[in-house]
Amino acid sequence: MTKIKQAEIPLINDNGVLQNILTEQGLIENKFNWRLVRKDDGLICESENVVFLEWGLDGKFESVHKEAEIGRSLIMSPFNSQFTWQTTPITEIIEQKEGCLKFKTKNSTYELFKL
């Protein structure tokens, strides 16, 4: 089982000044509300927020949504170039209930949990 969280960043001093600055700027997270588990190999990713990206017919980004839907990709925060995980587009929603989403993508099967 592999668990992915934000990379550990060496601190300038013991009081965490650098970590606090990076957290305030949204480059790293210290609060985790969502857990994504890839069923194939047990990979676990955690983040504060998740959104679903919609793609146009040309394969280019089109819009952001809070709800899962076939054809959308899940992306885990922070929402910048340092995001922790993005799935390929969803091909099947297996189960959807409050606090839990089971879905398949082109490559894998996932479970997303609200912590």
Protein backbone atom coordinates (compact mmCIF):
# COMPACT_ATOMS: atom_id res chain seq x y z
CA MET A 1 0.00 0.00 0.00
CA THR A 2 1.38 3.39 -0.97
CA LYS A 3 0.14 6.57 0.66
CA ILE A 4 0.62 9.94 -1.05
CA LYS A 5 0.50 13.13 0.97
CA GLN A 6 2.19 16.44 0.45
CA ALA A 7 5.95 16.18 0.12
CA GLU A 8 7.90 16.87 3.28
CA ILE A 9 9.65 20.21 2.97
CA PRO A 10 12.64 20.99 5.17
CA LEU A 11 11.90 23.85 7.53
CA ILE A 12 14.13 26.92 7.87
CA ASN A 13 13.81 26.71 11.62
CA ASP A 14 12.00 24.69 14.26
CA ASN A 15 8.95 26.95 14.54
CA GLY A 16 7.71 26.04 11.04
CA VAL A 17 7.85 29.47 9.41
CA LEU A 18 8.49 28.10 5.91
CA GLN A 19 5.77 25.46 6.24
CA ASN A 20 3.28 28.10 7.44
CA ILE A 21 4.07 30.37 4.48
CA LEU A 22 3.72 27.52 1.97
CA THR A 23 0.44 26.44 3.58
CA GLU A 24 -0.94 30.01 3.50
CA GLN A 25 -0.03 30.29 -0.19
CA GLY A 26 -1.84 27.04 -0.95
CA LEU A 27 1.29 25.17 -2.02
CA ILE A 28 0.96 22.47 0.65
CA GLU A 29 -1.93 21.30 2.80
CA ASN A 30 -2.17 20.35 6.44
CA LYS A 31 -5.87 19.47 6.55
CA PHE A 32 -7.27 16.38 4.86
CA ASN A 33 -11.01 15.97 4.22
CA TRP A 34 -10.92 13.42 1.38
CA ARG A 35 -9.27 10.03 0.89
CA LEU A 36 -8.95 8.40 -2.53
CA VAL A 37 -8.07 4.69 -2.66
CA ARG A 38 -7.02 3.04 -5.91
CA LYS A 39 -8.37 -0.49 -5.62
CA ASP A 40 -5.89 -2.09 -8.04
CA ASP A 41 -2.81 -1.53 -5.85
CA GLY A 42 -4.04 0.13 -2.64
CA LEU A 43 -2.56 3.56 -3.42
CA ILE A 44 -4.02 6.16 -1.01
CA CYS A 45 -4.12 9.91 -1.69
CA GLU A 46 -5.53 12.51 0.72
CA SER A 47 -6.42 16.15 0.21
CA GLU A 48 -8.44 19.01 1.63
CA ASN A 49 -10.71 19.36 -1.42
CA VAL A 50 -11.63 17.56 -4.63
CA VAL A 51 -13.24 18.72 -7.88
CA PHE A 52 -14.10 17.09 -11.18
CA LEU A 53 -12.74 18.40 -14.47
CA GLU A 54 -14.80 18.23 -17.64
CA TRP A 55 -13.08 17.79 -21.00
CA GLY A 56 -14.25 18.93 -24.42
CA LEU A 57 -14.50 16.67 -27.47
CA ASP A 58 -11.03 17.90 -28.46
CA GLY A 59 -9.62 16.63 -25.13
CA LYS A 60 -8.99 20.14 -23.79
CA PHE A 61 -10.14 21.36 -20.35
CA GLU A 62 -13.63 22.80 -20.42
CA SER A 63 -14.97 23.37 -16.88
CA VAL A 64 -14.81 22.48 -13.15
CA HIS A 65 -17.59 20.74 -11.21
CA LYS A 66 -18.26 19.55 -7.67
CA GLU A 67 -20.12 16.45 -8.85
CA ALA A 68 -18.76 13.28 -10.41
CA GLU A 69 -20.02 12.35 -13.86
CA ILE A 70 -18.92 10.00 -16.62
CA GLY A 71 -16.23 11.69 -18.71
CA ARG A 72 -14.94 13.88 -15.86
CA SER A 73 -11.60 13.46 -14.08
CA LEU A 74 -11.17 13.80 -10.33
CA ILE A 75 -8.41 16.15 -9.17
CA MET A 76 -7.23 16.48 -5.58
CA SER A 77 -6.11 19.76 -4.03
CA PRO A 78 -4.17 21.94 -3.81
CA PHE A 79 -5.47 23.22 -7.13
CA ASN A 80 -2.24 24.47 -8.66
CA SER A 81 0.77 22.85 -10.32
CA GLN A 82 1.38 20.95 -7.06
CA PHE A 83 -1.90 18.96 -7.07
CA THR A 84 -1.53 15.53 -5.48
CA TRP A 85 -3.51 13.38 -7.91
CA GLN A 86 -5.64 13.47 -11.04
CA THR A 87 -7.50 10.49 -12.46
CA THR A 88 -8.16 9.72 -16.08
CA PRO A 89 -11.80 10.33 -17.10
CA ILE A 90 -14.51 8.36 -15.28
CA THR A 91 -15.99 5.58 -17.40
CA GLU A 92 -18.45 4.14 -14.84
CA ILE A 93 -19.93 5.22 -11.51
CA ILE A 94 -20.32 1.99 -9.54
CA GLU A 95 -21.87 3.43 -6.37
CA GLN A 96 -22.59 6.93 -5.14
CA LYS A 97 -23.87 7.71 -1.67
CA GLU A 98 -23.23 10.42 0.87
CA GLY A 99 -19.56 10.42 1.81
CA CYS A 100 -18.52 7.66 -0.62
CA LEU A 101 -18.07 7.36 -4.38
CA LYS A 102 -16.91 4.21 -6.16
CA PHE A 103 -15.96 4.65 -9.79
CA LYS A 104 -13.91 3.29 -12.68
CA THR A 105 -11.68 5.25 -15.02
CA LYS A 106 -9.94 4.21 -18.23
CA ASN A 107 -7.08 2.84 -16.11
CA SER A 108 -8.25 2.02 -12.59
CA THR A 109 -11.01 1.53 -10.03
CA TYR A 110 -11.26 4.02 -7.16
CA GLU A 111 -13.13 4.70 -3.93
CA LEU A 112 -13.39 8.30 -2.70
CA PHE A 113 -14.29 8.87 0.96
CA LYS A 114 -15.25 12.03 2.82
CA LEU A 115 -13.25 11.98 6.08
